[in-house]
Amino acid sequence: MNRRNVLAAAGTALPAVLGGCLADGSTSAQAADSSGDSDDTPSLPEGKGPVRGQSDADVTAREVEDRDHITYVPENDTIQYVAAWRHTNHEEVEAGEKPKREAVYDTISFDEWAERRCVFAAARAAADHVRSELDVAESRSISGGVSSRVEGEESAAVVESVEAYDRDGNLVHETGVEFEALVAATPKTVTATYVFGDRETRLDVPIYARHVVLQQS
C-alpha cells in the first residue's frame, strides 16, 4: 500500500471515535470446522480466499472525521481514542441498579490512525461496489471489513461473502454468489482519503475477496 501524500497542518483537538467493520471481529457465530472430527460433527464447506480483487473499476472513498471520543494531541502528533468501555459499579448492578461505564483510552500515532481509517473506508466502498455489481441487497451477505489474516498485510481491506449454518449443520443463510464472481467484481484497489481537520491522508488500498463459512455456536 503506497501513501500518496500526507498533508500536514497545525493540529487542533477534534472529536471522533475508532470504528468500522472488523472482518476478524467477534460474532455470535464461529468459523466452521469442515474437517469433521467425529461422526456427530456435520461436514461443512470450506471457506475460500483471501484473493486479490480482479476488477479495474475506479472506486474511491472519502471519510471526513466528525465523531466523538477522539482527541488529537499536537505535542506528539498522536490520536487519543476510546479503546474499550469498563463497568464501574459491579456491586450496584448485582443489587439491581443500572450499569455505569467509563471509557478506557489508548493512543496511536496520527499516521497509523489515518492509515487505518483509509483501510476501513476502502473496505466499505469496495463492498458497496460489489453489492451493486452483483445485485446483492443485503449488507450481511456481502460486507467490507479489515482482516489481519492476509499474508503480507498487517491489516487488509476485505470484501466477504458469508455462508452460515446452525449448530446442527443446517444452512441458514447464503449469499448466492459464486466465489469466482465475487473475486471478479472486487476492485483491485480503492483510493481512500481520510480528512481530519486541515490534514488529509490519501492511500491506494489493495482489496481482497474472501468467502467465509460460519456455524452458530
N, C-alpha and C. Protein backbone atom coordinates (compact mmCIF):
# COMPACT_ATOMS: atom_id res chain seq x y z
N MET A 1 0.85 -1.17 0.00
CA MET A 1 0.00 0.00 0.00
C MET A 1 0.89 1.23 0.00
N ASN A 2 0.68 2.12 -0.93
CA ASN A 2 1.54 3.29 -1.07
C ASN A 2 0.81 4.55 -0.63
N ARG A 3 1.42 5.24 0.31
CA ARG A 3 0.83 6.52 0.72
C ARG A 3 1.17 7.56 -0.33
N ARG A 4 0.14 8.13 -0.97
CA ARG A 4 0.39 9.15 -1.99
C ARG A 4 0.90 10.43 -1.36
N ASN A 5 0.18 10.88 -0.36
CA ASN A 5 0.67 12.09 0.29
C ASN A 5 0.01 12.24 1.65
N VAL A 6 0.69 12.89 2.51
CA VAL A 6 0.12 13.27 3.79
C VAL A 6 0.34 14.75 3.95
N LEU A 7 -0.75 15.49 3.94
CA LEU A 7 -0.66 16.94 4.02
C LEU A 7 -0.81 17.34 5.48
N ALA A 8 0.24 17.89 6.04
CA ALA A 8 0.23 18.24 7.45
C ALA A 8 -0.13 19.69 7.64
N ALA A 9 -0.81 19.95 8.75
CA ALA A 9 -1.14 21.33 9.11
C ALA A 9 -1.15 21.41 10.63
N ALA A 10 -1.32 22.61 11.13
CA ALA A 10 -1.34 22.78 12.57
C ALA A 10 -2.47 21.98 13.16
N GLY A 11 -2.18 21.19 14.21
CA GLY A 11 -3.19 20.31 14.79
C GLY A 11 -4.05 21.03 15.79
N THR A 12 -5.34 20.72 15.76
CA THR A 12 -6.26 21.20 16.78
C THR A 12 -7.05 20.02 17.27
N ALA A 13 -7.52 20.09 18.51
CA ALA A 13 -8.25 18.97 19.08
C ALA A 13 -9.59 18.84 18.38
N LEU A 14 -9.84 17.65 17.82
CA LEU A 14 -11.09 17.37 17.14
C LEU A 14 -11.61 16.03 17.63
N PRO A 15 -12.95 15.86 17.70
CA PRO A 15 -13.50 14.62 18.21
C PRO A 15 -13.74 13.59 17.12
N ALA A 16 -13.67 12.29 17.51
CA ALA A 16 -14.01 11.18 16.63
C ALA A 16 -13.99 9.91 17.46
N VAL A 17 -14.23 8.79 16.82
CA VAL A 17 -14.16 7.51 17.53
C VAL A 17 -13.68 6.46 16.57
N LEU A 18 -12.86 5.56 17.04
CA LEU A 18 -12.38 4.47 16.20
C LEU A 18 -13.55 3.55 15.91
N GLY A 19 -13.80 3.25 14.63
CA GLY A 19 -14.93 2.40 14.30
C GLY A 19 -14.69 1.68 13.02
N GLY A 20 -15.79 1.18 12.43
CA GLY A 20 -15.68 0.43 11.19
C GLY A 20 -15.87 -1.04 11.45
N CYS A 21 -16.23 -1.77 10.39
CA CYS A 21 -16.45 -3.20 10.49
C CYS A 21 -15.12 -3.91 10.57
N LEU A 22 -15.03 -4.90 11.44
CA LEU A 22 -13.84 -5.71 11.53
C LEU A 22 -14.15 -7.10 10.99
N ALA A 23 -13.48 -7.48 9.93
CA ALA A 23 -13.71 -8.80 9.36
C ALA A 23 -13.33 -9.89 10.32
N ASP A 24 -12.36 -9.63 11.21
CA ASP A 24 -11.93 -10.62 12.17
C ASP A 24 -12.54 -10.37 13.54
N GLY A 25 -13.59 -9.58 13.62
CA GLY A 25 -14.16 -9.23 14.91
C GLY A 25 -14.98 -10.36 15.50
N SER A 26 -15.41 -10.18 16.74
CA SER A 26 -16.18 -11.21 17.42
C SER A 26 -17.57 -11.28 16.83
N THR A 27 -18.18 -12.46 16.93
CA THR A 27 -19.50 -12.68 16.37
C THR A 27 -20.18 -13.79 17.13
N SER A 28 -21.50 -13.90 16.99
CA SER A 28 -22.23 -14.96 17.66
C SER A 28 -22.01 -16.30 16.97
N ALA A 29 -21.46 -16.27 15.77
CA ALA A 29 -21.11 -17.49 15.06
C ALA A 29 -19.60 -17.64 15.06
N GLN A 30 -19.14 -18.84 14.74
CA GLN A 30 -17.72 -19.09 14.68
C GLN A 30 -17.36 -19.70 13.34
N ALA A 31 -16.10 -19.57 12.96
CA ALA A 31 -15.66 -20.16 11.71
C ALA A 31 -15.87 -21.66 11.76
N ALA A 32 -16.53 -22.19 10.74
CA ALA A 32 -16.88 -23.60 10.74
C ALA A 32 -15.65 -24.47 10.55
N ASP A 33 -15.61 -25.59 11.28
CA ASP A 33 -14.55 -26.58 11.11
C ASP A 33 -15.08 -27.65 10.18
N SER A 34 -14.55 -27.70 8.97
CA SER A 34 -15.05 -28.62 7.96
C SER A 34 -14.34 -29.96 7.99
N SER A 35 -13.43 -30.17 8.97
CA SER A 35 -12.67 -31.41 8.98
C SER A 35 -13.47 -32.59 9.48
N GLY A 36 -14.53 -32.33 10.31
CA GLY A 36 -15.36 -33.42 10.79
C GLY A 36 -14.61 -34.30 11.77
N ASP A 37 -14.43 -33.86 13.01
CA ASP A 37 -13.65 -34.61 13.99
C ASP A 37 -14.35 -35.87 14.47
N SER A 38 -15.68 -35.95 14.37
CA SER A 38 -16.41 -37.14 14.82
C SER A 38 -17.63 -37.32 13.94
N ASP A 39 -18.29 -38.47 14.16
CA ASP A 39 -19.49 -38.77 13.37
C ASP A 39 -20.61 -37.79 13.67
N ASP A 40 -20.56 -37.15 14.87
CA ASP A 40 -21.61 -36.22 15.26
C ASP A 40 -21.37 -34.83 14.71
N THR A 41 -20.19 -34.58 14.15
CA THR A 41 -19.86 -33.25 13.63
C THR A 41 -20.23 -33.17 12.16
N PRO A 42 -21.16 -32.28 11.79
CA PRO A 42 -21.53 -32.17 10.38
C PRO A 42 -20.37 -31.67 9.53
N SER A 43 -20.27 -32.22 8.33
CA SER A 43 -19.23 -31.78 7.40
C SER A 43 -19.74 -30.57 6.63
N LEU A 44 -19.03 -29.47 6.74
CA LEU A 44 -19.45 -28.22 6.11
C LEU A 44 -18.46 -27.81 5.04
N PRO A 45 -18.90 -26.98 4.10
CA PRO A 45 -17.99 -26.50 3.05
C PRO A 45 -16.85 -25.69 3.65
N GLU A 46 -15.76 -25.60 2.93
CA GLU A 46 -14.62 -24.80 3.37
C GLU A 46 -14.75 -23.37 2.87
N GLY A 47 -14.19 -22.44 3.61
CA GLY A 47 -14.12 -21.07 3.14
C GLY A 47 -13.11 -20.94 2.01
N LYS A 48 -13.12 -19.81 1.36
CA LYS A 48 -12.21 -19.58 0.23
C LYS A 48 -11.56 -18.20 0.35
N GLY A 49 -10.34 -18.11 -0.14
CA GLY A 49 -9.61 -16.86 -0.11
C GLY A 49 -8.85 -16.67 1.19
N PRO A 50 -8.29 -15.49 1.41
CA PRO A 50 -8.47 -14.26 0.62
C PRO A 50 -7.67 -14.26 -0.68
N VAL A 51 -8.27 -13.62 -1.71
CA VAL A 51 -7.68 -13.49 -3.03
C VAL A 51 -7.79 -12.03 -3.44
N ARG A 52 -6.76 -11.49 -4.05
CA ARG A 52 -6.78 -10.09 -4.50
C ARG A 52 -7.89 -9.89 -5.52
N GLY A 53 -8.64 -8.81 -5.37
CA GLY A 53 -9.70 -8.49 -6.32
C GLY A 53 -9.17 -8.33 -7.73
N GLN A 54 -10.03 -8.54 -8.72
CA GLN A 54 -9.61 -8.52 -10.12
C GLN A 54 -10.18 -7.35 -10.92
N SER A 55 -11.16 -6.64 -10.36
CA SER A 55 -11.81 -5.59 -11.13
C SER A 55 -10.93 -4.34 -11.22
N ASP A 56 -10.91 -3.75 -12.42
CA ASP A 56 -10.17 -2.50 -12.63
C ASP A 56 -11.05 -1.27 -12.42
N ALA A 57 -12.22 -1.46 -11.81
CA ALA A 57 -13.15 -0.35 -11.59
C ALA A 57 -12.48 0.76 -10.78
N ASP A 58 -12.81 1.99 -11.13
CA ASP A 58 -12.27 3.16 -10.44
C ASP A 58 -13.17 3.46 -9.23
N VAL A 59 -12.77 2.98 -8.07
CA VAL A 59 -13.56 3.13 -6.85
C VAL A 59 -12.78 4.01 -5.88
N THR A 60 -13.46 5.00 -5.33
CA THR A 60 -12.83 5.90 -4.36
C THR A 60 -13.65 5.95 -3.08
N ALA A 61 -13.01 6.36 -2.01
CA ALA A 61 -13.68 6.51 -0.72
C ALA A 61 -13.13 7.76 -0.04
N ARG A 62 -13.99 8.43 0.69
CA ARG A 62 -13.57 9.64 1.41
C ARG A 62 -14.27 9.66 2.76
N GLU A 63 -13.50 9.77 3.81
CA GLU A 63 -14.04 9.84 5.16
C GLU A 63 -13.58 11.14 5.82
N VAL A 64 -14.54 11.94 6.24
CA VAL A 64 -14.25 13.18 6.96
C VAL A 64 -14.56 12.95 8.43
N GLU A 65 -13.58 13.10 9.28
CA GLU A 65 -13.74 12.79 10.69
C GLU A 65 -14.64 13.81 11.38
N ASP A 66 -15.70 13.30 12.03
CA ASP A 66 -16.62 14.20 12.73
C ASP A 66 -17.21 13.52 13.97
N ARG A 67 -16.53 12.49 14.48
CA ARG A 67 -17.10 11.72 15.58
C ARG A 67 -16.53 12.13 16.94
N ASP A 68 -17.18 11.63 17.99
CA ASP A 68 -16.81 11.97 19.36
C ASP A 68 -15.76 11.00 19.90
N HIS A 69 -15.26 11.33 21.07
CA HIS A 69 -14.37 10.47 21.85
C HIS A 69 -13.03 10.22 21.17
N ILE A 70 -12.53 11.20 20.47
CA ILE A 70 -11.16 11.13 19.95
C ILE A 70 -10.55 12.51 20.06
N THR A 71 -9.29 12.55 20.41
CA THR A 71 -8.61 13.83 20.59
C THR A 71 -7.25 13.79 19.91
N TYR A 72 -6.96 14.85 19.18
CA TYR A 72 -5.63 14.98 18.59
C TYR A 72 -4.70 15.62 19.62
N VAL A 73 -3.52 15.02 19.82
CA VAL A 73 -2.54 15.53 20.77
C VAL A 73 -1.37 16.11 19.98
N PRO A 74 -1.30 17.44 19.83
CA PRO A 74 -0.28 18.04 18.97
C PRO A 74 1.14 17.89 19.49
N GLU A 75 1.30 17.72 20.81
CA GLU A 75 2.65 17.63 21.37
C GLU A 75 3.45 16.45 20.80
N ASN A 76 2.76 15.35 20.52
CA ASN A 76 3.48 14.19 19.98
C ASN A 76 2.81 13.61 18.73
N ASP A 77 1.92 14.39 18.12
CA ASP A 77 1.27 14.00 16.87
C ASP A 77 0.60 12.64 16.99
N THR A 78 -0.23 12.49 18.01
CA THR A 78 -0.94 11.23 18.22
C THR A 78 -2.44 11.47 18.32
N ILE A 79 -3.17 10.37 18.27
CA ILE A 79 -4.62 10.38 18.47
C ILE A 79 -4.93 9.63 19.75
N GLN A 80 -5.76 10.21 20.60
CA GLN A 80 -6.28 9.52 21.78
C GLN A 80 -7.71 9.10 21.46
N TYR A 81 -7.98 7.80 21.62
CA TYR A 81 -9.30 7.30 21.25
C TYR A 81 -9.80 6.32 22.30
N VAL A 82 -11.08 6.01 22.26
CA VAL A 82 -11.68 5.06 23.20
C VAL A 82 -11.39 3.65 22.71
N ALA A 83 -10.58 2.92 23.46
CA ALA A 83 -10.23 1.55 23.08
C ALA A 83 -11.21 0.53 23.65
N ALA A 84 -11.87 0.87 24.77
CA ALA A 84 -12.82 -0.05 25.40
C ALA A 84 -13.66 0.72 26.41
N TRP A 85 -14.68 0.03 26.92
CA TRP A 85 -15.51 0.58 27.99
C TRP A 85 -15.50 -0.41 29.15
N ARG A 86 -15.48 0.10 30.38
CA ARG A 86 -15.50 -0.78 31.53
C ARG A 86 -16.57 -0.33 32.52
N HIS A 87 -17.16 -1.33 33.17
CA HIS A 87 -18.18 -1.03 34.17
C HIS A 87 -17.53 -0.52 35.45
N THR A 88 -18.19 0.39 36.10
CA THR A 88 -17.63 1.00 37.32
C THR A 88 -18.48 0.72 38.56
N ASN A 89 -19.60 0.00 38.40
CA ASN A 89 -20.48 -0.23 39.56
C ASN A 89 -20.98 -1.68 39.59
N HIS A 90 -20.05 -2.61 39.61
CA HIS A 90 -20.42 -4.03 39.58
C HIS A 90 -21.34 -4.41 40.74
N GLU A 91 -21.00 -3.96 41.94
CA GLU A 91 -21.80 -4.33 43.11
C GLU A 91 -23.21 -3.77 43.00
N GLU A 92 -23.32 -2.53 42.52
CA GLU A 92 -24.64 -1.92 42.38
C GLU A 92 -25.48 -2.65 41.33
N VAL A 93 -24.84 -3.10 40.25
CA VAL A 93 -25.56 -3.84 39.21
C VAL A 93 -26.11 -5.14 39.78
N GLU A 94 -25.31 -5.82 40.59
CA GLU A 94 -25.78 -7.05 41.22
C GLU A 94 -26.97 -6.79 42.13
N ALA A 95 -27.06 -5.57 42.64
CA ALA A 95 -28.18 -5.20 43.51
C ALA A 95 -29.39 -4.71 42.72
N GLY A 96 -29.26 -4.69 41.39
CA GLY A 96 -30.40 -4.33 40.56
C GLY A 96 -30.34 -2.96 39.92
N GLU A 97 -29.27 -2.20 40.17
CA GLU A 97 -29.16 -0.88 39.56
C GLU A 97 -28.65 -0.97 38.12
N LYS A 98 -28.86 0.10 37.38
CA LYS A 98 -28.40 0.14 36.00
C LYS A 98 -26.87 0.24 35.97
N PRO A 99 -26.25 -0.42 34.98
CA PRO A 99 -24.79 -0.36 34.90
C PRO A 99 -24.29 1.02 34.48
N LYS A 100 -23.16 1.40 35.03
CA LYS A 100 -22.47 2.61 34.62
C LYS A 100 -21.12 2.21 34.04
N ARG A 101 -20.65 2.96 33.08
CA ARG A 101 -19.38 2.60 32.46
C ARG A 101 -18.56 3.85 32.17
N GLU A 102 -17.27 3.63 32.03
CA GLU A 102 -16.36 4.71 31.69
C GLU A 102 -15.43 4.27 30.58
N ALA A 103 -14.94 5.23 29.85
CA ALA A 103 -14.09 4.93 28.70
C ALA A 103 -12.67 4.59 29.14
N VAL A 104 -12.07 3.66 28.40
CA VAL A 104 -10.65 3.34 28.56
C VAL A 104 -9.95 3.83 27.30
N TYR A 105 -9.01 4.75 27.47
CA TYR A 105 -8.39 5.40 26.32
C TYR A 105 -7.05 4.76 25.97
N ASP A 106 -6.71 4.87 24.70
CA ASP A 106 -5.40 4.46 24.21
C ASP A 106 -4.94 5.51 23.21
N THR A 107 -3.66 5.46 22.85
CA THR A 107 -3.13 6.43 21.89
C THR A 107 -2.46 5.70 20.73
N ILE A 108 -2.39 6.39 19.61
CA ILE A 108 -1.80 5.85 18.39
C ILE A 108 -1.25 7.02 17.59
N SER A 109 -0.21 6.80 16.83
CA SER A 109 0.34 7.89 16.02
C SER A 109 -0.70 8.34 15.00
N PHE A 110 -0.66 9.61 14.65
CA PHE A 110 -1.65 10.11 13.70
C PHE A 110 -1.56 9.38 12.37
N ASP A 111 -0.35 9.15 11.87
CA ASP A 111 -0.20 8.49 10.57
C ASP A 111 -0.80 7.10 10.57
N GLU A 112 -0.57 6.34 11.66
CA GLU A 112 -1.13 4.99 11.73
C GLU A 112 -2.65 5.04 11.82
N TRP A 113 -3.17 5.97 12.61
CA TRP A 113 -4.63 6.15 12.72
C TRP A 113 -5.23 6.45 11.35
N ALA A 114 -4.64 7.41 10.65
CA ALA A 114 -5.17 7.82 9.35
C ALA A 114 -5.12 6.66 8.35
N GLU A 115 -4.05 5.88 8.40
CA GLU A 115 -3.95 4.73 7.50
C GLU A 115 -5.04 3.71 7.80
N ARG A 116 -5.29 3.44 9.09
CA ARG A 116 -6.35 2.51 9.46
C ARG A 116 -7.71 2.99 8.97
N ARG A 117 -7.96 4.29 9.13
CA ARG A 117 -9.25 4.82 8.69
C ARG A 117 -9.39 4.71 7.18
N CYS A 118 -8.30 4.89 6.45
CA CYS A 118 -8.35 4.72 4.99
C CYS A 118 -8.69 3.28 4.62
N VAL A 119 -8.10 2.33 5.33
CA VAL A 119 -8.38 0.92 5.05
C VAL A 119 -9.84 0.59 5.34
N PHE A 120 -10.37 1.07 6.47
CA PHE A 120 -11.78 0.87 6.78
C PHE A 120 -12.67 1.46 5.68
N ALA A 121 -12.39 2.69 5.31
CA ALA A 121 -13.21 3.36 4.29
C ALA A 121 -13.14 2.64 2.96
N ALA A 122 -11.95 2.17 2.59
CA ALA A 122 -11.79 1.46 1.33
C ALA A 122 -12.57 0.15 1.33
N ALA A 123 -12.56 -0.56 2.45
CA ALA A 123 -13.29 -1.83 2.54
C ALA A 123 -14.79 -1.61 2.38
N ARG A 124 -15.32 -0.57 3.02
CA ARG A 124 -16.75 -0.28 2.90
C ARG A 124 -17.11 0.10 1.47
N ALA A 125 -16.29 0.93 0.85
CA ALA A 125 -16.57 1.36 -0.53
C ALA A 125 -16.49 0.18 -1.49
N ALA A 126 -15.52 -0.71 -1.28
CA ALA A 126 -15.39 -1.88 -2.14
C ALA A 126 -16.60 -2.79 -2.00
N ALA A 127 -17.08 -2.99 -0.78
CA ALA A 127 -18.26 -3.84 -0.57
C ALA A 127 -19.49 -3.22 -1.22
N ASP A 128 -19.66 -1.92 -1.09
CA ASP A 128 -20.78 -1.24 -1.75
C ASP A 128 -20.72 -1.46 -3.26
N HIS A 129 -19.53 -1.35 -3.83
CA HIS A 129 -19.35 -1.55 -5.27
C HIS A 129 -19.71 -2.97 -5.67
N VAL A 130 -19.24 -3.95 -4.90
CA VAL A 130 -19.50 -5.35 -5.23
C VAL A 130 -20.99 -5.67 -5.13
N ARG A 131 -21.65 -5.19 -4.08
CA ARG A 131 -23.09 -5.44 -3.96
C ARG A 131 -23.85 -4.86 -5.14
N SER A 132 -23.45 -3.68 -5.57
CA SER A 132 -24.10 -3.06 -6.73
C SER A 132 -23.84 -3.87 -8.00
N GLU A 133 -22.60 -4.29 -8.21
CA GLU A 133 -22.25 -5.04 -9.41
C GLU A 133 -22.96 -6.39 -9.47
N LEU A 134 -23.12 -7.04 -8.33
CA LEU A 134 -23.70 -8.38 -8.28
C LEU A 134 -25.17 -8.36 -7.91
N ASP A 135 -25.75 -7.17 -7.75
CA ASP A 135 -27.17 -7.02 -7.43
C ASP A 135 -27.53 -7.76 -6.14
N VAL A 136 -26.74 -7.53 -5.10
CA VAL A 136 -26.97 -8.11 -3.78
C VAL A 136 -27.40 -6.99 -2.85
N ALA A 137 -28.57 -7.10 -2.27
CA ALA A 137 -29.11 -6.00 -1.47
C ALA A 137 -28.63 -6.03 -0.02
N GLU A 138 -28.51 -7.22 0.57
CA GLU A 138 -28.23 -7.32 2.00
C GLU A 138 -26.75 -7.12 2.31
N SER A 139 -26.48 -6.23 3.24
CA SER A 139 -25.09 -6.00 3.63
C SER A 139 -24.52 -7.18 4.41
N ARG A 140 -25.38 -7.98 5.03
CA ARG A 140 -24.87 -9.15 5.77
C ARG A 140 -24.41 -10.24 4.81
N SER A 141 -24.87 -10.19 3.55
CA SER A 141 -24.46 -11.19 2.57
C SER A 141 -23.08 -10.89 2.02
N ILE A 142 -22.83 -9.62 1.72
CA ILE A 142 -21.51 -9.18 1.26
C ILE A 142 -21.16 -7.93 2.04
N SER A 143 -20.09 -8.00 2.80
CA SER A 143 -19.72 -6.89 3.67
C SER A 143 -18.25 -6.57 3.52
N GLY A 144 -17.89 -5.38 3.97
CA GLY A 144 -16.50 -4.95 3.94
C GLY A 144 -15.94 -4.85 5.34
N GLY A 145 -14.71 -5.28 5.52
CA GLY A 145 -14.08 -5.21 6.83
C GLY A 145 -12.57 -5.21 6.72
N VAL A 146 -11.93 -5.36 7.86
CA VAL A 146 -10.47 -5.35 7.92
C VAL A 146 -10.01 -6.65 8.54
N SER A 147 -9.03 -7.29 7.92
CA SER A 147 -8.54 -8.59 8.37
C SER A 147 -7.04 -8.55 8.59
N SER A 148 -6.59 -9.27 9.62
CA SER A 148 -5.16 -9.44 9.86
C SER A 148 -4.67 -10.78 9.33
N ARG A 149 -5.52 -11.46 8.56
CA ARG A 149 -5.20 -12.81 8.10
C ARG A 149 -4.86 -12.87 6.62
N VAL A 150 -4.43 -11.75 6.08
CA VAL A 150 -3.99 -11.71 4.68
C VAL A 150 -2.47 -11.67 4.68
N GLU A 151 -1.87 -12.65 4.04
CA GLU A 151 -0.41 -12.76 4.03
C GLU A 151 0.22 -11.52 3.40
N GLY A 152 1.20 -10.97 4.09
CA GLY A 152 1.91 -9.80 3.60
C GLY A 152 1.28 -8.48 3.96
N GLU A 153 0.11 -8.51 4.62
CA GLU A 153 -0.58 -7.28 5.02
C GLU A 153 -0.81 -7.30 6.52
N GLU A 154 -0.42 -6.22 7.20
CA GLU A 154 -0.68 -6.13 8.63
C GLU A 154 -2.17 -6.01 8.90
N SER A 155 -2.84 -5.21 8.12
CA SER A 155 -4.30 -5.11 8.16
C SER A 155 -4.78 -4.83 6.74
N ALA A 156 -5.65 -5.69 6.25
CA ALA A 156 -6.05 -5.63 4.85
C ALA A 156 -7.54 -5.37 4.72
N ALA A 157 -7.91 -4.64 3.68
CA ALA A 157 -9.32 -4.40 3.37
C ALA A 157 -9.86 -5.64 2.66
N VAL A 158 -10.96 -6.17 3.18
CA VAL A 158 -11.50 -7.43 2.68
C VAL A 158 -12.99 -7.27 2.38
N VAL A 159 -13.41 -7.82 1.23
CA VAL A 159 -14.83 -7.96 0.90
C VAL A 159 -15.20 -9.41 1.13
N GLU A 160 -16.19 -9.65 1.98
CA GLU A 160 -16.55 -11.01 2.37
C GLU A 160 -17.95 -11.38 1.93
N SER A 161 -18.10 -12.59 1.43
CA SER A 161 -19.41 -13.21 1.29
C SER A 161 -19.54 -14.23 2.41
N VAL A 162 -20.75 -14.40 2.93
CA VAL A 162 -20.94 -15.22 4.13
C VAL A 162 -21.95 -16.33 3.87
N GLU A 163 -21.59 -17.51 4.34
CA GLU A 163 -22.46 -18.69 4.30
C GLU A 163 -22.57 -19.17 5.74
N ALA A 164 -23.78 -19.27 6.28
CA ALA A 164 -23.95 -19.57 7.70
C ALA A 164 -24.79 -20.82 7.91
N TYR A 165 -24.42 -21.58 8.94
CA TYR A 165 -25.10 -22.82 9.31
C TYR A 165 -25.45 -22.78 10.79
N ASP A 166 -26.53 -23.49 11.16
CA ASP A 166 -26.83 -23.60 12.58
C ASP A 166 -25.95 -24.69 13.19
N ARG A 167 -26.10 -24.92 14.49
CA ARG A 167 -25.20 -25.85 15.17
C ARG A 167 -25.40 -27.30 14.72
N ASP A 168 -26.55 -27.57 14.07
CA ASP A 168 -26.81 -28.91 13.54
C ASP A 168 -26.32 -29.09 12.11
N GLY A 169 -25.75 -28.04 11.55
CA GLY A 169 -25.23 -28.13 10.20
C GLY A 169 -26.22 -27.79 9.12
N ASN A 170 -27.35 -27.19 9.49
CA ASN A 170 -28.35 -26.78 8.50
C ASN A 170 -28.04 -25.38 7.98
N LEU A 171 -28.12 -25.20 6.67
CA LEU A 171 -27.85 -23.91 6.07
C LEU A 171 -28.94 -22.91 6.46
N VAL A 172 -28.53 -21.76 7.00
CA VAL A 172 -29.49 -20.75 7.41
C VAL A 172 -29.34 -19.45 6.61
N HIS A 173 -28.19 -19.29 5.96
CA HIS A 173 -28.01 -18.09 5.14
C HIS A 173 -26.91 -18.33 4.12
N GLU A 174 -27.17 -17.90 2.89
CA GLU A 174 -26.14 -17.94 1.86
C GLU A 174 -26.28 -16.72 0.97
N THR A 175 -25.18 -16.35 0.35
CA THR A 175 -25.15 -15.16 -0.49
C THR A 175 -25.72 -15.42 -1.87
N GLY A 176 -25.51 -16.64 -2.37
CA GLY A 176 -25.96 -16.96 -3.72
C GLY A 176 -25.04 -16.43 -4.80
N VAL A 177 -23.80 -16.12 -4.43
CA VAL A 177 -22.81 -15.60 -5.38
C VAL A 177 -21.62 -16.54 -5.41
N GLU A 178 -21.24 -16.98 -6.58
CA GLU A 178 -20.05 -17.83 -6.71
C GLU A 178 -18.81 -17.04 -6.32
N PHE A 179 -17.84 -17.73 -5.72
CA PHE A 179 -16.63 -17.05 -5.27
C PHE A 179 -15.89 -16.41 -6.43
N GLU A 180 -15.88 -17.08 -7.58
CA GLU A 180 -15.20 -16.52 -8.76
C GLU A 180 -15.83 -15.19 -9.17
N ALA A 181 -17.16 -15.10 -9.05
CA ALA A 181 -17.85 -13.85 -9.38
C ALA A 181 -17.52 -12.77 -8.36
N LEU A 182 -17.39 -13.17 -7.10
CA LEU A 182 -17.02 -12.21 -6.05
C LEU A 182 -15.65 -11.62 -6.32
N VAL A 183 -14.69 -12.48 -6.66
CA VAL A 183 -13.33 -12.02 -6.94
C VAL A 183 -13.31 -11.11 -8.15
N ALA A 184 -14.07 -11.49 -9.19
CA ALA A 184 -14.09 -10.70 -10.42
C ALA A 184 -14.69 -9.32 -10.21
N ALA A 185 -15.65 -9.21 -9.29
CA ALA A 185 -16.32 -7.93 -9.05
C ALA A 185 -15.60 -7.07 -8.02
N THR A 186 -14.69 -7.65 -7.26
CA THR A 186 -13.98 -6.91 -6.22
C THR A 186 -12.88 -6.06 -6.83
N PRO A 187 -12.85 -4.76 -6.53
CA PRO A 187 -11.80 -3.89 -7.09
C PRO A 187 -10.41 -4.35 -6.65
N LYS A 188 -9.45 -4.21 -7.55
CA LYS A 188 -8.07 -4.48 -7.17
C LYS A 188 -7.61 -3.49 -6.11
N THR A 189 -8.01 -2.25 -6.31
CA THR A 189 -7.53 -1.16 -5.45
C THR A 189 -8.64 -0.13 -5.27
N VAL A 190 -8.72 0.44 -4.09
CA VAL A 190 -9.60 1.58 -3.83
C VAL A 190 -8.73 2.73 -3.34
N THR A 191 -8.92 3.90 -3.93
CA THR A 191 -8.22 5.10 -3.47
C THR A 191 -9.05 5.74 -2.36
N ALA A 192 -8.50 5.74 -1.16
CA ALA A 192 -9.23 6.23 0.01
C ALA A 192 -8.57 7.48 0.57
N THR A 193 -9.40 8.43 0.97
CA THR A 193 -8.92 9.68 1.55
C THR A 193 -9.53 9.85 2.94
N TYR A 194 -8.71 10.18 3.90
CA TYR A 194 -9.16 10.45 5.26
C TYR A 194 -8.84 11.90 5.59
N VAL A 195 -9.86 12.64 6.02
CA VAL A 195 -9.72 14.06 6.31
C VAL A 195 -9.94 14.30 7.80
N PHE A 196 -8.97 14.90 8.43
CA PHE A 196 -9.04 15.23 9.85
C PHE A 196 -8.67 16.69 10.00
N GLY A 197 -9.68 17.54 10.15
CA GLY A 197 -9.41 18.97 10.22
C GLY A 197 -8.76 19.44 8.93
N ASP A 198 -7.57 20.02 9.04
CA ASP A 198 -6.83 20.51 7.88
C ASP A 198 -5.86 19.48 7.32
N ARG A 199 -5.86 18.28 7.88
CA ARG A 199 -4.94 17.24 7.43
C ARG A 199 -5.67 16.24 6.54
N GLU A 200 -4.98 15.81 5.51
CA GLU A 200 -5.58 14.88 4.55
C GLU A 200 -4.58 13.78 4.22
N THR A 201 -5.04 12.55 4.33
CA THR A 201 -4.22 11.38 4.01
C THR A 201 -4.89 10.61 2.89
N ARG A 202 -4.13 10.26 1.89
CA ARG A 202 -4.69 9.52 0.75
C ARG A 202 -3.86 8.26 0.50
N LEU A 203 -4.54 7.13 0.39
CA LEU A 203 -3.87 5.85 0.19
C LEU A 203 -4.51 5.07 -0.95
N ASP A 204 -3.68 4.33 -1.68
CA ASP A 204 -4.18 3.32 -2.61
C ASP A 204 -4.22 2.01 -1.85
N VAL A 205 -5.42 1.53 -1.55
CA VAL A 205 -5.60 0.37 -0.67
C VAL A 205 -5.91 -0.87 -1.49
N PRO A 206 -5.09 -1.92 -1.41
CA PRO A 206 -5.41 -3.18 -2.10
C PRO A 206 -6.61 -3.85 -1.44
N ILE A 207 -7.46 -4.47 -2.26
CA ILE A 207 -8.68 -5.10 -1.75
C ILE A 207 -8.62 -6.60 -2.02
N TYR A 208 -9.09 -7.37 -1.05
CA TYR A 208 -9.09 -8.83 -1.16
C TYR A 208 -10.52 -9.35 -1.00
N ALA A 209 -10.78 -10.49 -1.65
CA ALA A 209 -12.09 -11.14 -1.55
C ALA A 209 -11.95 -12.43 -0.75
N ARG A 210 -12.97 -12.72 0.05
CA ARG A 210 -12.94 -13.92 0.88
C ARG A 210 -14.36 -14.44 1.07
N HIS A 211 -14.51 -15.77 1.03
CA HIS A 211 -15.80 -16.40 1.33
C HIS A 211 -15.67 -17.09 2.67
N VAL A 212 -16.56 -16.75 3.59
CA VAL A 212 -16.48 -17.23 4.96
C VAL A 212 -17.64 -18.17 5.25
N VAL A 213 -17.33 -19.31 5.85
CA VAL A 213 -18.35 -20.26 6.30
C VAL A 213 -18.41 -20.19 7.82
N LEU A 214 -19.57 -19.86 8.35
CA LEU A 214 -19.76 -19.71 9.79
C LEU A 214 -20.75 -20.74 10.31
N GLN A 215 -20.55 -21.14 11.55
CA GLN A 215 -21.51 -22.02 12.22
C GLN A 215 -21.87 -21.44 13.57
N GLN A 216 -23.16 -21.41 13.86
CA GLN A 216 -23.61 -20.86 15.13
C GLN A 216 -23.09 -21.71 16.28
N SER A 217 -22.62 -21.04 17.32
CA SER A 217 -22.07 -21.75 18.47
C SER A 217 -23.14 -21.97 19.54
